[in-house]
């Protein structure tokens, strides 16, 4: 069962902002799934980073809509955004520096109250100003097409435009379904054309017989003994171009030299968990273009 369920009562009357809120709900639910299983502290960190990255991106988009509709409480609302940013930054800092200070109930209560109170009590206030407003509709179109938005903060850094994501197919391999879902959510934000997810390397390898992705993202967990053999087998395939598919290896392993062994096996690029949206896309672009 999801921690939070989206309902139409949360709608603020703007399709782009509503979509942002739905994504935030989804990311919070994924963070909850990580906490619920306590599967992996690094995966929990990735879920938290992803939520923070997208929320800051969303705040900048939402503020553009409020300015366009001349929302009279814009300055107060912006201050609320700044307060929420400070609060979540404090939680993230304590999580990454002193993980034992972040308890499950504290984090979940903050996320639920943050989302529900902010959307239902704060964001809903600009609905009468945003609905059926021609200026807002123009802004909404620019948000939906992800065109150049010079007034927004760090937009270009969040989803790089050097890759045509809506023409890209990506295959995800990870023994952790929760981590695989985090990567899939990040890719959905960029409107990636096709996303395949596999929990076992053999199944992923078999899929390559009929499908060639532009990138393979491999989440290498502590209990995974398949990553290195998978990459080596991929590079040894004769004929066609399957052997040349770039592989981004995301390692959660603690042992020294793990990432180096991945590169020796044939990974195109390696990064360590925890990741976030910005760190993931930076690494994905490097792997695709290398």
C-alpha atoms as a PDB file:
ATOM      1  CA  UNK A   1       0.000   0.000   0.000  1.00  0.00           C
ATOM      2  CA  UNK A   2       1.247   3.474  -0.874  1.00  0.00           C
ATOM      3  CA  UNK A   3       2.168   5.887   1.899  1.00  0.00           C
ATOM      4  CA  UNK A   4       0.302   8.718   0.133  1.00  0.00           C
ATOM      5  CA  UNK A   5      -2.347   8.413  -2.560  1.00  0.00           C
ATOM      6  CA  UNK A   6      -2.941  11.166  -5.103  1.00  0.00           C
ATOM      7  CA  UNK A   7      -6.496  12.488  -5.288  1.00  0.00           C
ATOM      8  CA  UNK A   8      -8.135  15.193  -7.372  1.00  0.00           C
ATOM      9  CA  UNK A   9      -8.596  17.236  -4.199  1.00  0.00           C
ATOM     10  CA  UNK A  10      -4.863  17.967  -4.499  1.00  0.00           C
ATOM     11  CA  UNK A  11      -5.234  19.523  -7.963  1.00  0.00           C
ATOM     12  CA  UNK A  12      -4.203  23.176  -8.202  1.00  0.00           C
ATOM     13  CA  UNK A  13      -5.817  23.624 -11.623  1.00  0.00           C
ATOM     14  CA  UNK A  14      -2.592  23.594 -13.653  1.00  0.00           C
ATOM     15  CA  UNK A  15      -1.668  20.357 -15.470  1.00  0.00           C
ATOM     16  CA  UNK A  16       2.112  20.818 -15.266  1.00  0.00           C
ATOM     17  CA  UNK A  17       2.104  21.626 -11.562  1.00  0.00           C
ATOM     18  CA  UNK A  18      -0.348  18.789 -10.882  1.00  0.00           C
ATOM     19  CA  UNK A  19       1.993  16.436 -12.753  1.00  0.00           C
ATOM     20  CA  UNK A  20       4.915  17.668 -10.656  1.00  0.00           C
ATOM     21  CA  UNK A  21       2.920  16.973  -7.498  1.00  0.00           C
ATOM     22  CA  UNK A  22       2.071  13.465  -8.723  1.00  0.00           C
ATOM     23  CA  UNK A  23       5.760  12.789  -9.323  1.00  0.00           C
ATOM     24  CA  UNK A  24       6.607  14.055  -5.830  1.00  0.00           C
ATOM     25  CA  UNK A  25       3.930  11.759  -4.364  1.00  0.00           C
ATOM     26  CA  UNK A  26       5.477   8.851  -6.278  1.00  0.00           C
ATOM     27  CA  UNK A  27       8.993   9.698  -5.080  1.00  0.00           C
ATOM     28  CA  UNK A  28       7.802   9.965  -1.475  1.00  0.00           C
ATOM     29  CA  UNK A  29       6.142   6.556  -1.817  1.00  0.00           C
ATOM     30  CA  UNK A  30       9.408   5.116  -3.119  1.00  0.00           C
ATOM     31  CA  UNK A  31      11.291   6.651  -0.205  1.00  0.00           C
ATOM     32  CA  UNK A  32       8.722   5.073   2.110  1.00  0.00           C
ATOM     33  CA  UNK A  33       9.289   1.693   0.436  1.00  0.00           C
ATOM     34  CA  UNK A  34      13.004   2.006   1.160  1.00  0.00           C
ATOM     35  CA  UNK A  35      12.393   2.909   4.804  1.00  0.00           C
ATOM     36  CA  UNK A  36       9.831   0.156   5.187  1.00  0.00           C
ATOM     37  CA  UNK A  37      12.281  -2.574   4.208  1.00  0.00           C
ATOM     38  CA  UNK A  38      15.482  -0.929   5.490  1.00  0.00           C
ATOM     39  CA  UNK A  39      16.934  -2.740   2.505  1.00  0.00           C
ATOM     40  CA  UNK A  40      19.915  -0.535   1.898  1.00  0.00           C
ATOM     41  CA  UNK A  41      21.055   2.744   3.424  1.00  0.00           C
ATOM     42  CA  UNK A  42      22.638   3.833   0.147  1.00  0.00           C
ATOM     43  CA  UNK A  43      19.420   3.157  -1.782  1.00  0.00           C
ATOM     44  CA  UNK A  44      17.537   5.150   0.855  1.00  0.00           C
ATOM     45  CA  UNK A  45      20.024   7.969   0.272  1.00  0.00           C
ATOM     46  CA  UNK A  46      19.382   7.760  -3.480  1.00  0.00           C
ATOM     47  CA  UNK A  47      15.634   7.984  -2.909  1.00  0.00           C
ATOM     48  CA  UNK A  48      16.094  10.999  -0.626  1.00  0.00           C
ATOM     49  CA  UNK A  49      18.450  12.768  -3.069  1.00  0.00           C
ATOM     50  CA  UNK A  50      16.033  12.151  -5.951  1.00  0.00           C
ATOM     51  CA  UNK A  51      13.129  13.609  -4.005  1.00  0.00           C
ATOM     52  CA  UNK A  52      15.139  16.690  -3.018  1.00  0.00           C
ATOM     53  CA  UNK A  53      16.424  17.297  -6.555  1.00  0.00           C
ATOM     54  CA  UNK A  54      12.951  17.096  -8.060  1.00  0.00           C
ATOM     55  CA  UNK A  55      11.316  19.185  -5.349  1.00  0.00           C
ATOM     56  CA  UNK A  56      13.758  22.072  -5.843  1.00  0.00           C
ATOM     57  CA  UNK A  57      13.158  21.824  -9.599  1.00  0.00           C
ATOM     58  CA  UNK A  58       9.410  21.837  -8.982  1.00  0.00           C
ATOM     59  CA  UNK A  59       9.541  24.896  -6.722  1.00  0.00           C
ATOM     60  CA  UNK A  60      11.188  26.948  -9.462  1.00  0.00           C
ATOM     61  CA  UNK A  61       8.526  25.837 -11.979  1.00  0.00           C
ATOM     62  CA  UNK A  62       5.691  26.559  -9.573  1.00  0.00           C
ATOM     63  CA  UNK A  63       7.031  30.027  -8.847  1.00  0.00           C
ATOM     64  CA  UNK A  64       6.989  30.826 -12.580  1.00  0.00           C
ATOM     65  CA  UNK A  65       3.310  29.886 -12.725  1.00  0.00           C
ATOM     66  CA  UNK A  66       2.505  32.034  -9.687  1.00  0.00           C
ATOM     67  CA  UNK A  67       4.288  35.020 -11.195  1.00  0.00           C
ATOM     68  CA  UNK A  68       2.440  34.548 -14.496  1.00  0.00           C
ATOM     69  CA  UNK A  69      -0.953  34.545 -12.794  1.00  0.00           C
ATOM     70  CA  UNK A  70       0.021  37.499 -10.585  1.00  0.00           C
ATOM     71  CA  UNK A  71      -0.705  35.573  -7.431  1.00  0.00           C
ATOM     72  CA  UNK A  72      -0.916  38.196  -4.645  1.00  0.00           C
ATOM     73  CA  UNK A  73       0.601  35.893  -2.020  1.00  0.00           C
ATOM     74  CA  UNK A  74       3.612  35.018  -4.149  1.00  0.00           C
ATOM     75  CA  UNK A  75       6.231  36.385  -1.738  1.00  0.00           C
ATOM     76  CA  UNK A  76       4.729  34.509   1.213  1.00  0.00           C
ATOM     77  CA  UNK A  77       4.566  31.332  -0.843  1.00  0.00           C
ATOM     78  CA  UNK A  78       8.154  31.711  -1.962  1.00  0.00           C
ATOM     79  CA  UNK A  79       9.193  32.072   1.675  1.00  0.00           C
ATOM     80  CA  UNK A  80       7.349  28.813   2.395  1.00  0.00           C
ATOM     81  CA  UNK A  81       9.397  27.164  -0.339  1.00  0.00           C
ATOM     82  CA  UNK A  82      12.589  28.501   1.217  1.00  0.00           C
ATOM     83  CA  UNK A  83      11.545  27.226   4.645  1.00  0.00           C
ATOM     84  CA  UNK A  84      10.733  23.768   3.290  1.00  0.00           C
ATOM     85  CA  UNK A  85      14.038  23.707   1.410  1.00  0.00           C
ATOM     86  CA  UNK A  86      15.919  24.490   4.615  1.00  0.00           C
ATOM     87  CA  UNK A  87      14.008  21.809   6.532  1.00  0.00           C
ATOM     88  CA  UNK A  88      14.593  19.047   4.013  1.00  0.00           C
ATOM     89  CA  UNK A  89      18.242  20.097   3.628  1.00  0.00           C
ATOM     90  CA  UNK A  90      18.664  19.750   7.401  1.00  0.00           C
ATOM     91  CA  UNK A  91      17.159  16.254   7.380  1.00  0.00           C
ATOM     92  CA  UNK A  92      19.330  15.244   4.420  1.00  0.00           C
ATOM     93  CA  UNK A  93      22.449  16.606   6.122  1.00  0.00           C
ATOM     94  CA  UNK A  94      21.742  14.667   9.308  1.00  0.00           C
ATOM     95  CA  UNK A  95      20.958  11.533   7.323  1.00  0.00           C
ATOM     96  CA  UNK A  96      24.200  11.589   5.362  1.00  0.00           C
ATOM     97  CA  UNK A  97      26.403  12.735   8.234  1.00  0.00           C
ATOM     98  CA  UNK A  98      24.772  10.942  11.178  1.00  0.00           C
ATOM     99  CA  UNK A  99      22.356   8.350   9.879  1.00  0.00           C
ATOM    100  CA  UNK A 100      21.349   7.199  13.352  1.00  0.00           C
ATOM    101  CA  UNK A 101      19.763  10.619  14.023  1.00  0.00           C
ATOM    102  CA  UNK A 102      17.188  10.109  11.291  1.00  0.00           C
ATOM    103  CA  UNK A 103      14.424   7.893  12.607  1.00  0.00           C
ATOM    104  CA  UNK A 104      11.712   6.439  10.437  1.00  0.00           C
ATOM    105  CA  UNK A 105       8.776   8.230  12.055  1.00  0.00           C
ATOM    106  CA  UNK A 106      10.474  11.654  11.916  1.00  0.00           C
ATOM    107  CA  UNK A 107      11.225  11.441   8.222  1.00  0.00           C
ATOM    108  CA  UNK A 108       7.840  10.007   7.227  1.00  0.00           C
ATOM    109  CA  UNK A 109       5.889  12.495   9.351  1.00  0.00           C
ATOM    110  CA  UNK A 110       7.824  15.368   7.814  1.00  0.00           C
ATOM    111  CA  UNK A 111       7.254  14.151   4.263  1.00  0.00           C
ATOM    112  CA  UNK A 112       3.545  13.545   4.708  1.00  0.00           C
ATOM    113  CA  UNK A 113       2.882  16.801   6.538  1.00  0.00           C
ATOM    114  CA  UNK A 114       5.105  18.709   4.129  1.00  0.00           C
ATOM    115  CA  UNK A 115       3.296  17.406   1.078  1.00  0.00           C
ATOM    116  CA  UNK A 116      -0.255  17.463   2.377  1.00  0.00           C
ATOM    117  CA  UNK A 117      -0.018  20.790   4.185  1.00  0.00           C
ATOM    118  CA  UNK A 118       1.848  22.546   1.409  1.00  0.00           C
ATOM    119  CA  UNK A 119      -0.353  21.346  -1.453  1.00  0.00           C
ATOM    120  CA  UNK A 120      -3.718  21.433   0.307  1.00  0.00           C
ATOM    121  CA  UNK A 121      -3.161  24.584   2.360  1.00  0.00           C
ATOM    122  CA  UNK A 122      -0.641  26.604   0.345  1.00  0.00           C
ATOM    123  CA  UNK A 123      -0.617  25.587  -3.326  1.00  0.00           C
ATOM    124  CA  UNK A 124      -4.388  25.321  -3.551  1.00  0.00           C
ATOM    125  CA  UNK A 125      -4.525  29.057  -2.830  1.00  0.00           C
ATOM    126  CA  UNK A 126      -3.398  30.049  -6.323  1.00  0.00           C
ATOM    127  CA  UNK A 127      -5.884  27.776  -8.114  1.00  0.00           C
ATOM    128  CA  UNK A 128      -8.440  30.569  -8.769  1.00  0.00           C
ATOM    129  CA  UNK A 129      -5.667  32.678 -10.324  1.00  0.00           C
ATOM    130  CA  UNK A 130      -4.190  29.888 -12.470  1.00  0.00           C
ATOM    131  CA  UNK A 131      -7.296  28.259 -13.945  1.00  0.00           C
ATOM    132  CA  UNK A 132      -8.272  29.442 -17.444  1.00  0.00           C
ATOM    133  CA  UNK A 133      -5.607  32.172 -17.354  1.00  0.00           C
ATOM    134  CA  UNK A 134      -4.142  32.751 -20.875  1.00  0.00           C
ATOM    135  CA  UNK A 135      -0.742  33.860 -19.546  1.00  0.00           C
ATOM    136  CA  UNK A 136      -0.521  30.778 -17.357  1.00  0.00           C
ATOM    137  CA  UNK A 137      -1.470  28.545 -20.290  1.00  0.00           C
ATOM    138  CA  UNK A 138       1.503  29.935 -22.216  1.00  0.00           C
ATOM    139  CA  UNK A 139       3.844  29.217 -19.320  1.00  0.00           C
ATOM    140  CA  UNK A 140       2.331  25.745 -18.987  1.00  0.00           C
ATOM    141  CA  UNK A 141       3.094  24.961 -22.621  1.00  0.00           C
ATOM    142  CA  UNK A 142       6.734  25.942 -22.117  1.00  0.00           C
ATOM    143  CA  UNK A 143       6.951  23.737 -19.036  1.00  0.00           C
ATOM    144  CA  UNK A 144       5.457  20.773 -20.853  1.00  0.00           C
ATOM    145  CA  UNK A 145       7.775  21.043 -23.845  1.00  0.00           C
ATOM    146  CA  UNK A 146      10.808  21.618 -21.600  1.00  0.00           C
ATOM    147  CA  UNK A 147      11.890  24.516 -23.780  1.00  0.00           C
ATOM    148  CA  UNK A 148      14.501  27.038 -22.711  1.00  0.00           C
ATOM    149  CA  UNK A 149      13.476  28.594 -19.439  1.00  0.00           C
ATOM    150  CA  UNK A 150      16.061  31.233 -18.512  1.00  0.00           C
ATOM    151  CA  UNK A 151      14.255  32.363 -15.364  1.00  0.00           C
ATOM    152  CA  UNK A 152      14.304  28.930 -13.777  1.00  0.00           C
ATOM    153  CA  UNK A 153      16.942  27.692 -11.380  1.00  0.00           C
ATOM    154  CA  UNK A 154      19.214  24.821 -12.445  1.00  0.00           C
ATOM    155  CA  UNK A 155      16.684  23.453 -14.942  1.00  0.00           C
ATOM    156  CA  UNK A 156      19.272  22.626 -17.584  1.00  0.00           C
ATOM    157  CA  UNK A 157      21.429  20.907 -14.978  1.00  0.00           C
ATOM    158  CA  UNK A 158      18.572  18.647 -13.873  1.00  0.00           C
ATOM    159  CA  UNK A 159      17.762  17.072 -17.255  1.00  0.00           C
ATOM    160  CA  UNK A 160      20.580  17.591 -19.789  1.00  0.00           C
ATOM    161  CA  UNK A 161      19.410  18.375 -23.317  1.00  0.00           C
ATOM    162  CA  UNK A 162      22.507  16.920 -24.977  1.00  0.00           C
ATOM    163  CA  UNK A 163      20.650  13.584 -25.300  1.00  0.00           C
ATOM    164  CA  UNK A 164      17.246  13.135 -26.951  1.00  0.00           C
ATOM    165  CA  UNK A 165      15.723  11.208 -24.066  1.00  0.00           C
ATOM    166  CA  UNK A 166      12.380  10.709 -25.794  1.00  0.00           C
ATOM    167  CA  UNK A 167      14.238   8.762 -28.492  1.00  0.00           C
ATOM    168  CA  UNK A 168      16.306   6.727 -26.041  1.00  0.00           C
ATOM    169  CA  UNK A 169      15.785   3.149 -24.815  1.00  0.00           C
ATOM    170  CA  UNK A 170      17.318   2.183 -21.474  1.00  0.00           C
ATOM    171  CA  UNK A 171      17.606  -1.204 -19.794  1.00  0.00           C
ATOM    172  CA  UNK A 172      17.889  -1.352 -15.993  1.00  0.00           C
ATOM    173  CA  UNK A 173      19.381  -4.340 -14.163  1.00  0.00           C
ATOM    174  CA  UNK A 174      19.241  -4.490 -10.368  1.00  0.00           C
ATOM    175  CA  UNK A 175      18.544  -7.144  -7.761  1.00  0.00           C
ATOM    176  CA  UNK A 176      16.841  -4.411  -5.742  1.00  0.00           C
ATOM    177  CA  UNK A 177      13.379  -3.716  -7.137  1.00  0.00           C
ATOM    178  CA  UNK A 178      13.156  -0.538  -5.066  1.00  0.00           C
ATOM    179  CA  UNK A 179      16.389   0.821  -6.522  1.00  0.00           C
ATOM    180  CA  UNK A 180      15.341  -0.176 -10.035  1.00  0.00           C
ATOM    181  CA  UNK A 181      12.096   1.741  -9.523  1.00  0.00           C
ATOM    182  CA  UNK A 182      14.011   4.846  -8.426  1.00  0.00           C
ATOM    183  CA  UNK A 183      16.037   4.767 -11.655  1.00  0.00           C
ATOM    184  CA  UNK A 184      12.871   4.208 -13.700  1.00  0.00           C
ATOM    185  CA  UNK A 185      11.214   7.212 -12.036  1.00  0.00           C
ATOM    186  CA  UNK A 186      14.225   9.397 -12.830  1.00  0.00           C
ATOM    187  CA  UNK A 187      14.056   8.278 -16.470  1.00  0.00           C
ATOM    188  CA  UNK A 188      10.306   8.930 -16.634  1.00  0.00           C
ATOM    189  CA  UNK A 189      10.919  12.527 -15.571  1.00  0.00           C
ATOM    190  CA  UNK A 190      12.982  12.930 -18.760  1.00  0.00           C
ATOM    191  CA  UNK A 191      10.305  11.196 -20.896  1.00  0.00           C
ATOM    192  CA  UNK A 192      12.667   8.377 -21.868  1.00  0.00           C
ATOM    193  CA  UNK A 193      11.070   6.504 -24.761  1.00  0.00           C
ATOM    194  CA  UNK A 194      11.475   2.968 -23.470  1.00  0.00           C
ATOM    195  CA  UNK A 195      12.455   1.609 -20.053  1.00  0.00           C
ATOM    196  CA  UNK A 196      13.009  -2.093 -19.334  1.00  0.00           C
ATOM    197  CA  UNK A 197      13.686  -3.452 -15.853  1.00  0.00           C
ATOM    198  CA  UNK A 198      15.269  -6.797 -14.941  1.00  0.00           C
ATOM    199  CA  UNK A 199      16.247  -8.184 -11.563  1.00  0.00           C
ATOM    200  CA  UNK A 200      18.494 -10.929 -12.957  1.00  0.00           C
ATOM    201  CA  UNK A 201      21.441 -10.523 -15.299  1.00  0.00           C
ATOM    202  CA  UNK A 202      20.577 -13.650 -17.294  1.00  0.00           C
ATOM    203  CA  UNK A 203      17.107 -12.308 -18.117  1.00  0.00           C
ATOM    204  CA  UNK A 204      18.601  -8.982 -19.148  1.00  0.00           C
ATOM    205  CA  UNK A 205      21.139 -10.728 -21.376  1.00  0.00           C
ATOM    206  CA  UNK A 206      18.425 -12.797 -23.033  1.00  0.00           C
ATOM    207  CA  UNK A 207      16.395  -9.672 -23.775  1.00  0.00           C
ATOM    208  CA  UNK A 208      19.320  -8.321 -25.814  1.00  0.00           C
ATOM    209  CA  UNK A 209      18.709 -11.021 -28.406  1.00  0.00           C
ATOM    210  CA  UNK A 210      15.652  -9.116 -29.625  1.00  0.00           C
ATOM    211  CA  UNK A 211      16.165  -5.621 -28.254  1.00  0.00           C
ATOM    212  CA  UNK A 212      19.119  -3.247 -28.286  1.00  0.00           C
ATOM    213  CA  UNK A 213      18.933  -0.381 -25.768  1.00  0.00           C
ATOM    214  CA  UNK A 214      20.958   2.809 -26.030  1.00  0.00           C
ATOM    215  CA  UNK A 215      22.208   2.357 -22.466  1.00  0.00           C
ATOM    216  CA  UNK A 216      22.314  -0.339 -19.785  1.00  0.00           C
ATOM    217  CA  UNK A 217      22.113   0.901 -16.196  1.00  0.00           C
ATOM    218  CA  UNK A 218      23.339  -1.720 -13.744  1.00  0.00           C
ATOM    219  CA  UNK A 219      22.696  -1.278 -10.003  1.00  0.00           C
ATOM    220  CA  UNK A 220      25.477  -3.313  -8.368  1.00  0.00           C
ATOM    221  CA  UNK A 221      24.412  -4.295  -4.849  1.00  0.00           C
ATOM    222  CA  UNK A 222      26.400  -6.030  -2.108  1.00  0.00           C
ATOM    223  CA  UNK A 223      24.729  -9.405  -2.672  1.00  0.00           C
ATOM    224  CA  UNK A 224      25.057  -9.276  -6.469  1.00  0.00           C
ATOM    225  CA  UNK A 225      27.604 -11.681  -7.930  1.00  0.00           C
ATOM    226  CA  UNK A 226      26.332 -11.287 -11.503  1.00  0.00           C
ATOM    227  CA  UNK A 227      27.487  -7.798 -12.485  1.00  0.00           C
ATOM    228  CA  UNK A 228      31.078  -8.504 -13.551  1.00  0.00           C
ATOM    229  CA  UNK A 229      30.236 -11.731 -15.458  1.00  0.00           C
ATOM    230  CA  UNK A 230      27.331  -9.920 -17.153  1.00  0.00           C
ATOM    231  CA  UNK A 231      29.543  -7.093 -18.407  1.00  0.00           C
ATOM    232  CA  UNK A 232      32.273  -9.493 -19.500  1.00  0.00           C
ATOM    233  CA  UNK A 233      29.767 -11.651 -21.426  1.00  0.00           C
ATOM    234  CA  UNK A 234      28.331  -8.547 -23.069  1.00  0.00           C
ATOM    235  CA  UNK A 235      31.729  -7.388 -24.275  1.00  0.00           C
ATOM    236  CA  UNK A 236      32.587 -10.854 -25.637  1.00  0.00           C
ATOM    237  CA  UNK A 237      29.506 -11.125 -27.888  1.00  0.00           C
ATOM    238  CA  UNK A 238      30.590 -11.540 -31.505  1.00  0.00           C
ATOM    239  CA  UNK A 239      28.768  -9.986 -34.434  1.00  0.00           C
ATOM    240  CA  UNK A 240      26.364  -7.051 -34.472  1.00  0.00           C
ATOM    241  CA  UNK A 241      26.722  -4.086 -32.166  1.00  0.00           C
ATOM    242  CA  UNK A 242      25.401  -5.494 -28.885  1.00  0.00           C
ATOM    243  CA  UNK A 243      28.908  -5.744 -27.459  1.00  0.00           C
ATOM    244  CA  UNK A 244      29.274  -1.988 -27.787  1.00  0.00           C
ATOM    245  CA  UNK A 245      26.220  -0.983 -25.728  1.00  0.00           C
ATOM    246  CA  UNK A 246      27.373   1.484 -23.071  1.00  0.00           C
ATOM    247  CA  UNK A 247      27.005   0.299 -19.472  1.00  0.00           C
ATOM    248  CA  UNK A 248      26.612   2.688 -16.548  1.00  0.00           C
ATOM    249  CA  UNK A 249      27.526   0.799 -13.378  1.00  0.00           C
ATOM    250  CA  UNK A 250      26.073   2.254 -10.159  1.00  0.00           C
ATOM    251  CA  UNK A 251      27.878   0.605  -7.267  1.00  0.00           C
ATOM    252  CA  UNK A 252      26.662   0.255  -3.700  1.00  0.00           C
ATOM    253  CA  UNK A 253      29.508  -2.081  -2.794  1.00  0.00           C
ATOM    254  CA  UNK A 254      31.781  -1.273   0.113  1.00  0.00           C
ATOM    255  CA  UNK A 255      34.922  -3.178  -0.850  1.00  0.00           C
ATOM    256  CA  UNK A 256      37.878  -1.195  -2.065  1.00  0.00           C
ATOM    257  CA  UNK A 257      38.449  -1.265  -5.801  1.00  0.00           C
ATOM    258  CA  UNK A 258      34.914  -2.379  -6.696  1.00  0.00           C
ATOM    259  CA  UNK A 259      34.372   0.297  -9.306  1.00  0.00           C
ATOM    260  CA  UNK A 260      37.826  -0.273 -10.793  1.00  0.00           C
ATOM    261  CA  UNK A 261      36.980  -3.945 -11.284  1.00  0.00           C
ATOM    262  CA  UNK A 262      33.785  -2.892 -13.061  1.00  0.00           C
ATOM    263  CA  UNK A 263      35.737  -0.719 -15.461  1.00  0.00           C
ATOM    264  CA  UNK A 264      38.263  -3.513 -16.108  1.00  0.00           C
ATOM    265  CA  UNK A 265      35.347  -5.847 -16.930  1.00  0.00           C
ATOM    266  CA  UNK A 266      34.112  -3.383 -19.534  1.00  0.00           C
ATOM    267  CA  UNK A 267      31.730  -0.947 -17.847  1.00  0.00           C
ATOM    268  CA  UNK A 268      31.667   2.335 -19.744  1.00  0.00           C
ATOM    269  CA  UNK A 269      31.357   4.521 -16.666  1.00  0.00           C
ATOM    270  CA  UNK A 270      30.971   3.912 -12.921  1.00  0.00           C
ATOM    271  CA  UNK A 271      29.525   5.984 -10.098  1.00  0.00           C
ATOM    272  CA  UNK A 272      28.799   5.239  -6.442  1.00  0.00           C
ATOM    273  CA  UNK A 273      25.531   5.318  -4.587  1.00  0.00           C
ATOM    274  CA  UNK A 274      23.807   7.285  -3.270  1.00  0.00           C
ATOM    275  CA  UNK A 275      22.806   9.105  -6.429  1.00  0.00           C
ATOM    276  CA  UNK A 276      20.314  11.838  -7.259  1.00  0.00           C
ATOM    277  CA  UNK A 277      18.683  13.080 -10.444  1.00  0.00           C
ATOM    278  CA  UNK A 278      21.539  15.404 -11.344  1.00  0.00           C
ATOM    279  CA  UNK A 279      24.314  12.929 -10.603  1.00  0.00           C
ATOM    280  CA  UNK A 280      22.500  10.170 -12.492  1.00  0.00           C
ATOM    281  CA  UNK A 281      21.948  12.180 -15.673  1.00  0.00           C
ATOM    282  CA  UNK A 282      25.483  13.543 -15.652  1.00  0.00           C
ATOM    283  CA  UNK A 283      26.802   9.974 -15.501  1.00  0.00           C
ATOM    284  CA  UNK A 284      24.291   8.665 -18.062  1.00  0.00           C
ATOM    285  CA  UNK A 285      25.255  11.360 -20.577  1.00  0.00           C
ATOM    286  CA  UNK A 286      28.946  10.570 -20.047  1.00  0.00           C
ATOM    287  CA  UNK A 287      28.320   6.858 -20.621  1.00  0.00           C
ATOM    288  CA  UNK A 288      26.215   7.404 -23.752  1.00  0.00           C
ATOM    289  CA  UNK A 289      28.678   9.847 -25.304  1.00  0.00           C
ATOM    290  CA  UNK A 290      31.913   8.103 -24.297  1.00  0.00           C
END
